[in-house]
Protein backbone atom coordinates (compact mmCIF):
# COMPACT_ATOMS: atom_id res chain seq x y z
CA UNK A 1 0.14 0.12 -0.24
CA UNK A 2 1.02 3.42 -0.45
CA UNK A 3 2.30 5.72 2.08
CA UNK A 4 2.38 9.03 0.50
CA UNK A 5 -0.77 11.50 -0.50
CA UNK A 6 -2.53 10.96 -3.76
CA UNK A 7 -2.70 13.70 -6.09
CA UNK A 8 -5.67 16.03 -5.97
CA UNK A 9 -7.62 15.83 -8.88
CA UNK A 10 -11.12 15.96 -7.97
CA UNK A 11 -13.19 19.21 -7.70
CA UNK A 12 -13.94 20.24 -4.31
CA UNK A 13 -17.51 19.61 -2.64
CA UNK A 14 -19.05 23.47 -2.78
CA UNK A 15 -21.19 21.93 0.22
CA UNK A 16 -17.77 21.08 2.10
CA UNK A 17 -17.56 23.78 4.81
CA UNK A 18 -21.34 22.73 6.03
CA UNK A 19 -20.50 19.52 6.03
CA UNK A 20 -17.61 20.28 8.11
CA UNK A 21 -19.91 21.35 10.68
CA UNK A 22 -22.20 18.43 10.70
CA UNK A 23 -19.06 16.25 11.30
CA UNK A 24 -17.66 18.63 13.83
CA UNK A 25 -21.31 18.50 15.73
CA UNK A 26 -20.72 14.89 15.83
CA UNK A 27 -17.36 14.51 17.21
CA UNK A 28 -17.86 16.91 19.77
CA UNK A 29 -20.66 14.98 20.99
CA UNK A 30 -18.69 11.53 21.46
CA UNK A 31 -15.66 13.38 23.14
CA UNK A 32 -17.60 15.55 25.35
CA UNK A 33 -19.10 12.30 26.80
CA UNK A 34 -15.46 11.17 28.10
CA UNK A 35 -15.21 13.94 30.47
CA UNK A 36 -18.70 15.08 31.32
CA UNK A 37 -19.21 12.12 33.62
CA UNK A 38 -16.45 12.94 35.57
CA UNK A 39 -18.31 16.03 37.63
CA UNK A 40 -21.28 13.24 38.34
CA UNK A 41 -19.19 11.35 40.14
CA UNK A 42 -19.87 12.25 43.62
CA UNK A 43 -23.98 12.58 42.84
CA UNK A 44 -23.41 8.55 41.21
CA UNK A 45 -22.00 7.89 44.71
CA UNK A 46 -25.02 9.36 46.45
CA UNK A 47 -28.13 8.44 44.56
CA UNK A 48 -26.96 4.96 43.18
CA UNK A 49 -24.75 4.09 46.07
CA UNK A 50 -21.96 3.24 43.63
CA UNK A 51 -18.74 1.94 45.52
CA UNK A 52 -15.11 3.38 44.16
CA UNK A 53 -14.73 0.54 41.99
CA UNK A 54 -18.18 0.93 40.23
CA UNK A 55 -17.24 5.06 39.74
CA UNK A 56 -14.02 4.28 38.37
CA UNK A 57 -15.74 1.86 35.46
CA UNK A 58 -18.69 4.32 34.98
CA UNK A 59 -15.94 6.49 33.17
CA UNK A 60 -13.73 3.43 32.19
CA UNK A 61 -16.21 1.44 30.35
CA UNK A 62 -16.87 3.86 27.74
CA UNK A 63 -13.29 4.29 27.26
CA UNK A 64 -12.43 0.44 27.13
CA UNK A 65 -15.50 -0.39 24.51
CA UNK A 66 -14.36 2.72 22.66
CA UNK A 67 -10.81 2.26 22.28
CA UNK A 68 -11.11 -1.31 21.58
CA UNK A 69 -13.16 -1.12 18.49
CA UNK A 70 -11.97 2.07 16.98
CA UNK A 71 -9.74 0.21 14.54
CA UNK A 72 -12.53 -2.41 13.36
CA UNK A 73 -14.65 0.32 13.38
CA UNK A 74 -12.74 2.57 10.92
CA UNK A 75 -12.51 -0.45 8.85
CA UNK A 76 -16.06 -1.00 8.73
CA UNK A 77 -16.05 2.59 7.69
CA UNK A 78 -13.87 2.14 4.92
CA UNK A 79 -15.36 -1.11 3.60
CA UNK A 80 -19.19 -0.61 3.86
CA UNK A 81 -19.33 3.47 3.59
CA UNK A 82 -18.46 6.03 5.99
CA UNK A 83 -21.97 7.83 6.13
CA UNK A 84 -23.49 4.34 7.06
CA UNK A 85 -21.19 4.11 9.57
CA UNK A 86 -21.27 7.59 11.28
CA UNK A 87 -25.15 7.71 11.07
CA UNK A 88 -25.59 4.00 12.50
CA UNK A 89 -23.07 5.00 15.37
CA UNK A 90 -24.90 8.52 16.28
CA UNK A 91 -28.53 6.19 16.23
CA UNK A 92 -26.78 3.82 18.58
CA UNK A 93 -25.40 6.57 20.84
CA UNK A 94 -28.70 8.13 21.12
CA UNK A 95 -30.46 4.88 22.27
CA UNK A 96 -27.72 4.15 24.64
CA UNK A 97 -27.57 7.63 26.09
CA UNK A 98 -31.19 7.21 26.64
CA UNK A 99 -30.73 3.92 28.72
CA UNK A 100 -27.93 5.48 30.49
CA UNK A 101 -30.34 8.15 31.69
CA UNK A 102 -32.76 5.51 33.10
CA UNK A 103 -30.52 3.48 34.75
CA UNK A 104 -31.56 2.75 38.31
CA UNK A 105 -28.48 0.86 39.60
CA UNK A 106 -24.82 1.56 39.24
CA UNK A 107 -24.27 -2.21 37.49
CA UNK A 108 -27.15 -0.63 34.78
CA UNK A 109 -25.21 2.38 34.35
CA UNK A 110 -21.68 0.73 33.50
CA UNK A 111 -23.43 -1.43 30.97
CA UNK A 112 -25.16 1.55 29.19
CA UNK A 113 -21.95 3.24 29.07
CA UNK A 114 -20.30 0.61 27.78
CA UNK A 115 -22.73 0.47 25.07
CA UNK A 116 -21.97 4.02 24.32
CA UNK A 117 -18.82 3.00 23.85
CA UNK A 118 -19.95 1.10 21.02
CA UNK A 119 -21.32 3.92 19.23
CA UNK A 120 -18.33 6.46 20.00
CA UNK A 121 -16.45 4.17 18.08
CA UNK A 122 -18.30 4.37 15.01
CA UNK A 123 -18.54 7.90 15.04
CA UNK A 124 -15.42 9.09 15.84
CA UNK A 125 -13.18 7.60 13.05
CA UNK A 126 -15.83 7.73 10.09
CA UNK A 127 -15.74 11.61 10.57
CA UNK A 128 -12.05 12.35 10.42
CA UNK A 129 -12.44 9.84 7.40
CA UNK A 130 -15.31 11.71 5.50
CA UNK A 131 -13.17 15.08 6.10
CA UNK A 132 -10.41 13.55 4.47
CA UNK A 133 -12.21 12.68 1.37
CA UNK A 134 -14.29 15.55 1.09
CA UNK A 135 -11.23 17.98 1.74
CA UNK A 136 -9.31 17.25 -1.57
CA UNK A 137 -7.10 20.27 -1.59
CA UNK A 138 -4.55 19.75 0.89
CA UNK A 139 -4.44 23.48 2.13
CA UNK A 140 -8.07 23.47 2.88
CA UNK A 141 -8.07 20.29 4.32
CA UNK A 142 -4.97 21.49 6.97
CA UNK A 143 -7.63 24.40 7.78
CA UNK A 144 -10.35 21.67 8.18
CA UNK A 145 -8.48 19.17 10.58
CA UNK A 146 -7.50 22.43 12.56
CA UNK A 147 -11.03 22.98 13.08
CA UNK A 148 -12.03 19.36 13.65
CA UNK A 149 -8.69 19.23 16.45
CA UNK A 150 -9.88 22.70 17.99
CA UNK A 151 -13.43 21.22 18.26
CA UNK A 152 -12.10 17.79 20.15
CA UNK A 153 -10.28 20.28 22.56
CA UNK A 154 -12.76 22.55 22.97
CA UNK A 155 -15.30 19.58 23.98
CA UNK A 156 -12.61 17.93 26.45
CA UNK A 157 -12.60 21.30 28.24
CA UNK A 158 -16.55 21.96 28.31
CA UNK A 159 -17.48 18.68 29.42
CA UNK A 160 -17.24 19.53 32.97
CA UNK A 161 -19.29 22.88 32.83
CA UNK A 162 -21.86 21.59 30.50
CA UNK A 163 -21.90 18.76 33.18
CA UNK A 164 -21.86 21.32 35.92
CA UNK A 165 -24.29 23.41 34.70
CA UNK A 166 -26.84 20.24 34.12
CA UNK A 167 -26.28 18.81 37.41
CA UNK A 168 -27.20 22.41 38.96
CA UNK A 169 -30.41 22.68 37.47
CA UNK A 170 -31.50 19.23 36.56
CA UNK A 171 -31.29 15.58 37.45
CA UNK A 172 -27.86 13.36 36.75
CA UNK A 173 -30.07 11.93 33.80
CA UNK A 174 -30.17 15.00 32.55
CA UNK A 175 -26.03 14.36 31.23
CA UNK A 176 -26.82 11.72 28.86
CA UNK A 177 -30.40 13.32 27.71
CA UNK A 178 -29.02 16.62 26.26
CA UNK A 179 -27.11 14.15 23.51
CA UNK A 180 -30.69 13.33 22.01
CA UNK A 181 -31.28 16.74 20.11
CA UNK A 182 -27.73 17.13 19.43
CA UNK A 183 -27.73 13.34 17.56
CA UNK A 184 -30.88 14.06 16.10
CA UNK A 185 -29.69 17.82 14.34
CA UNK A 186 -26.82 15.71 13.30
CA UNK A 187 -28.79 12.66 11.61
CA UNK A 188 -30.90 15.14 10.02
CA UNK A 189 -27.80 17.53 8.72
CA UNK A 190 -25.66 14.36 7.91
CA UNK A 191 -28.52 12.79 5.66
CA UNK A 192 -28.82 15.69 3.59
CA UNK A 193 -25.19 16.74 3.14
CA UNK A 194 -22.69 14.52 3.95
CA UNK A 195 -21.95 12.20 1.16
CA UNK A 196 -21.10 8.74 0.68
CA UNK A 197 -17.41 7.35 0.76
CA UNK A 198 -15.55 3.96 1.09
CA UNK A 199 -12.52 1.77 -0.36
CA UNK A 200 -13.83 0.53 -3.69
CA UNK A 201 -10.76 -2.16 -3.57
CA UNK A 202 -11.03 -3.18 -0.02
CA UNK A 203 -10.87 -6.70 -0.90
CA UNK A 204 -12.07 -9.46 1.71
CA UNK A 205 -12.90 -8.98 5.20
CA UNK A 206 -9.53 -9.13 7.44
CA UNK A 207 -11.90 -11.27 10.02
CA UNK A 208 -8.50 -12.27 12.13
CA UNK A 209 -7.34 -8.87 11.84
CA UNK A 210 -10.52 -7.51 13.31
CA UNK A 211 -10.74 -9.91 16.02
CA UNK A 212 -7.22 -9.39 17.22
CA UNK A 213 -6.93 -5.64 17.09
CA UNK A 214 -9.86 -5.91 19.40
CA UNK A 215 -8.31 -8.44 21.47
CA UNK A 216 -5.16 -6.29 21.83
CA UNK A 217 -6.34 -2.94 22.71
CA UNK A 218 -8.91 -3.99 24.92
CA UNK A 219 -6.83 -6.08 27.36
CA UNK A 220 -3.80 -3.41 26.95
CA UNK A 221 -6.27 -0.74 28.19
CA UNK A 222 -7.96 -3.25 30.43
CA UNK A 223 -4.59 -4.02 31.92
CA UNK A 224 -3.94 0.15 32.41
CA UNK A 225 -7.06 0.86 34.14
CA UNK A 226 -6.56 -2.05 36.96
CA UNK A 227 -3.05 -1.48 37.38
CA UNK A 228 -2.96 1.24 39.70
CA UNK A 229 -5.50 -0.78 41.83
CA UNK A 230 -3.79 -4.43 41.38
CA UNK A 231 -0.18 -3.04 41.31
CA UNK A 232 2.14 -2.09 38.52
CA UNK A 233 4.52 -5.05 39.49
CA UNK A 234 1.46 -7.38 40.42
CA UNK A 235 1.51 -10.44 38.48
CA UNK A 236 -2.21 -9.33 36.70
CA UNK A 237 -0.50 -6.18 35.73
CA UNK A 238 2.73 -8.04 34.38
CA UNK A 239 0.64 -10.94 32.82
CA UNK A 240 -1.82 -8.62 30.89
CA UNK A 241 1.13 -6.74 29.63
CA UNK A 242 3.01 -10.14 28.53
CA UNK A 243 -0.40 -11.51 26.53
CA UNK A 244 -0.94 -7.87 25.06
CA UNK A 245 2.89 -8.14 23.70
CA UNK A 246 2.40 -11.76 22.47
CA UNK A 247 -1.09 -10.35 20.62
CA UNK A 248 0.35 -7.03 19.12
CA UNK A 249 3.08 -9.74 17.60
CA UNK A 250 0.36 -12.01 16.51
CA UNK A 251 -1.52 -9.24 14.77
CA UNK A 252 1.72 -7.33 13.52
CA UNK A 253 2.25 -11.05 11.84
CA UNK A 254 -0.84 -11.32 10.33
CA UNK A 255 -1.45 -8.15 8.73
CA UNK A 256 2.02 -8.32 6.97
CA UNK A 257 1.01 -11.53 5.50
CA UNK A 258 -2.75 -11.26 4.51
CA UNK A 259 -3.78 -10.01 1.10
CA UNK A 260 -6.15 -7.66 2.18
CA UNK A 261 -5.06 -6.66 5.38
CA UNK A 262 -7.13 -4.35 8.05
CA UNK A 263 -4.09 -2.03 8.69
CA UNK A 264 -1.17 -2.24 6.69
CA UNK A 265 1.74 -2.18 9.07
CA UNK A 266 4.23 -1.23 7.10
CA UNK A 267 2.83 2.56 7.36
CA UNK A 268 4.75 2.54 10.37
CA UNK A 269 8.07 2.60 8.94
CA UNK A 270 7.00 5.82 7.89
CA UNK A 271 8.33 8.24 10.49
CA UNK A 272 5.80 11.05 9.39
CA UNK A 273 2.98 8.54 10.57
CA UNK A 274 4.64 6.90 13.54
CA UNK A 275 6.34 9.85 15.05
CA UNK A 276 2.82 11.63 14.46
CA UNK A 277 0.92 8.99 16.38
CA UNK A 278 3.70 8.94 18.80
CA UNK A 279 2.74 12.78 19.21
CA UNK A 280 -0.87 12.52 19.49
CA UNK A 281 -0.34 9.61 22.52
CA UNK A 282 1.90 11.94 24.48
CA UNK A 283 0.02 14.99 24.05
CA UNK A 284 -2.84 13.01 25.37
CA UNK A 285 -1.11 11.27 28.51
CA UNK A 286 -0.30 14.36 29.55
CA UNK A 287 -4.17 16.01 28.92
CA UNK A 288 -6.34 13.45 30.71
CA UNK A 289 -3.31 12.84 33.52
CA UNK A 290 -3.40 16.57 34.40
CA UNK A 291 -7.70 16.77 34.12
CA UNK A 292 -8.00 13.59 36.17
CA UNK A 293 -6.07 15.95 38.85
CA UNK A 294 -7.36 19.54 38.08
CA UNK A 295 -10.85 19.08 38.51
CA UNK A 296 -10.39 17.54 42.22
CA UNK A 297 -7.81 20.42 42.73
CA UNK A 298 -10.80 23.15 41.82
CA UNK A 299 -13.83 21.34 43.51
CA UNK A 300 -11.83 20.05 46.59
CA UNK A 301 -8.92 22.01 47.35
CA UNK A 302 -10.49 25.41 46.36
CA UNK A 303 -13.79 24.55 47.10
CA UNK A 304 -15.77 25.04 43.70
CA UNK A 305 -18.86 23.65 43.42
CA UNK A 306 -19.06 21.54 39.82
CA UNK A 307 -20.51 24.51 37.78
CA UNK A 308 -18.11 26.75 38.81
CA UNK A 309 -15.17 24.34 38.70
CA UNK A 310 -16.18 23.86 34.70
CA UNK A 311 -16.14 27.69 34.02
CA UNK A 312 -12.49 28.32 35.56
CA UNK A 313 -11.70 25.78 32.79
CA UNK A 314 -13.42 28.12 29.98
CA UNK A 315 -9.31 29.64 29.59
CA UNK A 316 -8.09 26.53 28.16
CA UNK A 317 -11.14 25.94 26.23
CA UNK A 318 -10.73 29.24 24.41
CA UNK A 319 -7.23 29.21 23.76
CA UNK A 320 -7.48 25.41 22.07
CA UNK A 321 -10.49 27.17 20.17
CA UNK A 322 -8.21 29.97 18.75
CA UNK A 323 -5.02 28.27 18.01
CA UNK A 324 -5.87 24.96 16.54
CA UNK A 325 -6.79 26.95 13.10
CA UNK A 326 -4.04 28.63 13.73
CA UNK A 327 -1.77 25.39 14.31
CA UNK A 328 -2.40 24.64 10.36
CA UNK A 329 -0.87 27.67 8.82
CA UNK A 330 2.12 27.70 11.59
CA UNK A 331 2.82 24.12 10.19
CA UNK A 332 2.50 25.49 6.61
CA UNK A 333 4.69 28.09 7.57
CA UNK A 334 7.48 26.48 9.68
CA UNK A 335 6.92 22.67 8.68
CA UNK A 336 5.02 19.91 11.14
CA UNK A 337 8.27 19.27 13.05
CA UNK A 338 8.94 22.26 14.71
CA UNK A 339 5.19 22.78 15.34
CA UNK A 340 4.45 20.01 16.99
CA UNK A 341 7.61 19.76 18.79
CA UNK A 342 7.08 23.33 19.74
CA UNK A 343 3.19 22.46 20.95
CA UNK A 344 4.56 19.34 22.99
CA UNK A 345 7.39 21.41 24.80
CA UNK A 346 4.72 24.24 25.83
CA UNK A 347 2.70 21.69 27.61
CA UNK A 348 5.35 20.26 29.31
CA UNK A 349 5.89 23.69 30.84
CA UNK A 350 2.51 24.30 31.67
CA UNK A 351 2.37 21.08 33.52
CA UNK A 352 5.80 21.47 35.40
CA UNK A 353 4.76 24.88 36.37
CA UNK A 354 1.26 23.60 37.49
CA UNK A 355 3.26 21.14 39.92
CA UNK A 356 4.23 24.36 42.26
CA UNK A 357 0.10 24.89 42.67
CA UNK A 358 -1.00 25.71 46.27
CA UNK A 359 -4.48 26.06 47.70
CA UNK A 360 -4.17 30.23 47.33
CA UNK A 361 -2.28 30.07 44.08
CA UNK A 362 -3.60 32.97 42.20
CA UNK A 363 -6.21 32.07 39.23
CA UNK A 364 -5.67 35.14 37.13
CA UNK A 365 -1.95 35.25 37.50
CA UNK A 366 -0.72 31.91 37.44
CA UNK A 367 -2.87 29.23 36.65
CA UNK A 368 -4.81 31.02 33.23
CA UNK A 369 -1.28 31.14 32.26
CA UNK A 370 -0.67 27.53 32.94
CA UNK A 371 -4.15 26.65 31.07
CA UNK A 372 -2.97 28.83 27.92
CA UNK A 373 0.67 27.05 27.72
CA UNK A 374 -1.00 23.81 28.15
CA UNK A 375 -4.14 24.61 25.85
CA UNK A 376 -1.93 26.62 23.28
CA UNK A 377 0.67 23.39 22.95
CA UNK A 378 -1.96 20.94 22.45
CA UNK A 379 -3.79 22.94 19.92
CA UNK A 380 -0.51 23.27 17.86
CA UNK A 381 0.18 19.31 18.40
CA UNK A 382 -2.92 17.69 17.45
CA UNK A 383 -3.83 19.21 13.84
CA UNK A 384 -0.81 19.23 12.13
CA UNK A 385 0.00 15.59 13.89
CA UNK A 386 -3.36 14.71 12.68
CA UNK A 387 -2.79 15.76 9.12
CA UNK A 388 0.76 14.11 9.23
CA UNK A 389 -1.16 10.79 10.14
CA UNK A 390 -3.97 11.26 7.54
CA UNK A 391 -1.48 12.68 5.05
CA UNK A 392 0.50 9.62 5.29
CA UNK A 393 -2.15 7.51 4.02
CA UNK A 394 -4.41 6.99 0.47
CA UNK A 395 -8.04 8.47 0.95
CA UNK A 396 -9.33 4.69 0.35
CA UNK A 397 -7.86 3.87 3.71
CA UNK A 398 -9.08 7.32 5.14
CA UNK A 399 -11.46 5.20 7.98
CA UNK A 400 -8.19 2.95 9.32
CA UNK A 401 -5.90 5.92 9.50
CA UNK A 402 -8.71 7.88 11.28
CA UNK A 403 -8.86 5.17 13.84
CA UNK A 404 -5.35 4.93 14.23
CA UNK A 405 -5.19 8.33 15.45
CA UNK A 406 -8.21 7.94 17.49
CA UNK A 407 -6.87 4.61 19.08
CA UNK A 408 -3.49 6.67 19.79
CA UNK A 409 -5.23 9.23 21.86
CA UNK A 410 -7.73 6.90 23.80
CA UNK A 411 -4.47 5.10 24.81
CA UNK A 412 -2.67 7.79 25.40
CA UNK A 413 -5.55 9.56 27.38
CA UNK A 414 -6.04 6.10 29.75
CA UNK A 415 -2.54 5.55 30.40
CA UNK A 416 -2.01 9.52 31.04
CA UNK A 417 -4.85 9.05 33.93
CA UNK A 418 -3.73 5.32 35.05
CA UNK A 419 0.17 6.49 35.07
CA UNK A 420 -0.56 10.09 36.52
CA UNK A 421 -3.06 8.63 39.18
CA UNK A 422 -0.76 6.00 40.03
CA UNK A 423 2.20 8.40 41.04
CA UNK A 424 -0.12 10.82 42.79
CA UNK A 425 -1.66 8.12 44.99
CA UNK A 426 2.30 7.32 45.55
CA UNK A 427 2.46 10.50 47.70
CA UNK A 428 -1.28 10.90 48.80
CA UNK A 429 -1.80 7.96 50.31
CA UNK A 430 0.95 8.02 52.87
CA UNK A 431 0.55 11.90 53.38
CA UNK A 432 -2.99 11.47 54.26
CA UNK A 433 -2.21 8.36 56.51
CA UNK A 434 0.46 10.15 58.64
CA UNK A 435 -1.30 13.53 58.73
CA UNK A 436 -4.33 12.03 59.99
CA UNK A 437 -3.16 9.47 62.47
CA UNK A 438 -0.69 12.46 64.08
CA UNK A 439 -4.38 14.31 64.68
CA UNK A 440 -5.69 10.86 66.34
CA UNK A 441 -7.86 10.09 63.64
CA UNK A 442 -9.44 6.35 64.15
CA UNK A 443 -7.85 3.81 62.04
CA UNK A 444 -11.25 3.13 59.83
CA UNK A 445 -11.60 6.70 59.15
CA UNK A 446 -8.17 7.13 58.23
CA UNK A 447 -8.51 4.11 55.74
CA UNK A 448 -11.50 5.79 54.33
CA UNK A 449 -9.32 8.79 53.80
CA UNK A 450 -6.79 6.80 51.88
CA UNK A 451 -8.88 6.03 49.22
CA UNK A 452 -9.45 9.39 47.81
CA UNK A 453 -9.08 13.24 48.70
CA UNK A 454 -13.03 13.34 48.00
CA UNK A 455 -13.09 10.46 50.67
CA UNK A 456 -11.03 12.31 53.01
CA UNK A 457 -13.62 15.24 52.60
CA UNK A 458 -16.28 13.07 53.72
CA UNK A 459 -14.35 11.58 56.81
CA UNK A 460 -13.73 15.27 57.37
CA UNK A 461 -17.62 16.46 57.14
CA UNK A 462 -18.45 13.99 59.59
CA UNK A 463 -16.10 14.15 62.02
CA UNK A 464 -16.54 16.68 65.20
CA UNK A 465 -17.13 20.38 63.97
CA UNK A 466 -13.76 21.30 65.96
CA UNK A 467 -11.91 18.69 63.95
CA UNK A 468 -12.98 19.70 60.69
CA UNK A 469 -10.57 22.27 59.74
CA UNK A 470 -7.79 20.26 60.59
CA UNK A 471 -8.69 17.30 58.81
CA UNK A 472 -9.71 19.19 55.65
CA UNK A 473 -6.02 21.03 55.84
CA UNK A 474 -4.45 17.86 55.94
CA UNK A 475 -6.61 16.40 52.97
CA UNK A 476 -5.70 19.52 51.15
CA UNK A 477 -1.75 19.45 51.53
CA UNK A 478 -1.64 15.62 50.93
CA UNK A 479 -3.63 16.27 47.85
CA UNK A 480 -0.85 18.86 46.57
CA UNK A 481 1.97 16.66 47.44
CA UNK A 482 0.43 13.88 45.01
CA UNK A 483 -0.66 16.38 42.65
CA UNK A 484 3.10 17.95 42.40
CA UNK A 485 4.54 14.55 41.62
CA UNK A 486 1.64 13.61 39.05
CA UNK A 487 2.00 17.10 36.89
CA UNK A 488 6.06 16.06 37.03
CA UNK A 489 5.33 12.69 35.46
CA UNK A 490 2.80 14.64 32.56
CA UNK A 491 5.43 17.32 32.32
CA UNK A 492 8.02 14.42 31.77
CA UNK A 493 5.76 12.44 29.17
CA UNK A 494 5.21 15.47 26.84
CA UNK A 495 8.79 16.77 27.32
CA UNK A 496 10.09 13.03 25.72
CA UNK A 497 7.28 13.57 23.04
CA UNK A 498 8.60 17.06 22.07
CA UNK A 499 12.07 15.68 21.98
CA UNK A 500 10.92 12.75 19.79
CA UNK A 501 9.10 14.96 17.35
CA UNK A 502 12.03 17.65 16.83
CA UNK A 503 14.19 14.24 16.31
CA UNK A 504 11.90 11.89 14.25
CA UNK A 505 9.10 13.47 12.97
CA UNK A 506 9.36 15.08 9.20
CA UNK A 507 9.14 18.33 8.40
CA UNK A 508 7.76 17.53 5.07
CA UNK A 509 6.81 14.37 3.21
CA UNK A 510 8.55 12.70 0.71
CA UNK A 511 6.75 11.13 -2.67
CA UNK A 512 8.34 8.66 -5.05
CA UNK A 513 9.44 9.95 -8.40
CA UNK A 514 6.74 10.82 -10.45
CA UNK A 515 4.22 11.30 -7.40
CA UNK A 516 3.06 14.66 -6.52
CA UNK A 517 4.14 15.79 -3.01
CA UNK A 518 1.56 18.02 -0.82
CA UNK A 519 3.46 17.59 2.07
CA UNK A 520 2.07 16.94 5.57
CA UNK A 521 0.02 19.93 5.25
CA UNK A 522 -0.31 20.70 1.56
CA UNK A 523 2.71 22.81 0.67
CA UNK A 524 4.78 21.96 3.33
CA UNK A 525 7.76 21.53 0.91
CA UNK A 526 8.49 25.02 1.61
CA UNK A 527 9.04 24.56 5.17
CA UNK A 528 12.81 24.32 6.51
CA UNK A 529 13.91 20.66 7.43
């Protein structure tokens, strides 16, 4: 399979910008659901009597199924049609959102969230694959991917805001019911506007490859999710990673030999594809790890309610929305290598700076500039890196290419939460135990407080009035110690990603003789190497 962009011969669709709006609406729906439930976790604990483990799976069931099915869903769209795959995914997402809103137990909600992940997996890669086929001009495609990336970043930030608003005014089911009118709008507009496209030369179904990809990614994500609880050195975690490695080796071997592979694994020899995939993974590793901490920081340490905590993340969303479209133009001028490397370095600066947060840190003078570094860096990274991934493949393989891009996001984000969360817990747990024991708190409340900072606040609320301030201060101090380490882990990951981007990511694509080389962003041949 060729790994260079195809020459552009198709006339542009006159409705392409309206189509982009429909695709952005669809992808916003899927991404926002990754973060909107986080602010509702205390509500689920109260109203559904969900345990800590069940709360974790209310969040993770969606990510587990979503990530596990992405490559298979991308292949399905390439073979059966991306528009149909997108619309089926939207319908399934709406039905399972309704089921989630009607759940009466934590187990029912976990099952509904897992089913929502199936719909999300059908939607997400189809949006980027359709975009790639609609925007045939490389420069316009770069701008469109910049807008698409901006919406995904915006959705990550707006999840806590929208969730906080809905929880303040309606029941918890509203965070799922709000999906229904959005899906209806996307379905109606998509039916009228979105064209059908597929890989006409797909050949026979690669059922072994599909099954192997689902098994490999699902087991990897599950192992990562469970590692903090089981222990990174436990037999369960090590055994999980060993089996994942064996499955991955079998998948690669099969895909390299089969006549019509689901994923041509030789594409990873192209540094433009593989280095860009790593850049996306490290960006979302840092982002999701940091979001895991900062949502608790705003609500527990600074005492904001759910809506206020979400509103205080608005500078992040605004910065991402402004810079994402600009990042495409910057990459045109300076080269993908430099912009992606700079973006990851900017995120690293923001995360490291955030490791010095205290309970009294100035919001406008310190926290807002930190968010600008992070959001600006994310925007500079994702749009050019995504275009680099998609520009490395022929349009016929856009579905699987999009799925690779999306899978790296999900795995990176899941690893970020797990690894950053583990780093946080390694300091928070011993700190809170020492501090509460020194205050004379009984063993059982200390054990409860060790589970999470939210649990520590509950311990404080149930303590005698005279003891509450000291327990709350202990919880805040222990949290900030753990957060400092977690932020530095995120900073290190994005710094390594930046170094790899500068070292391995080409500034422009190279094409075999006789082929048109559009470069990662269309005219990147003008960019410095």
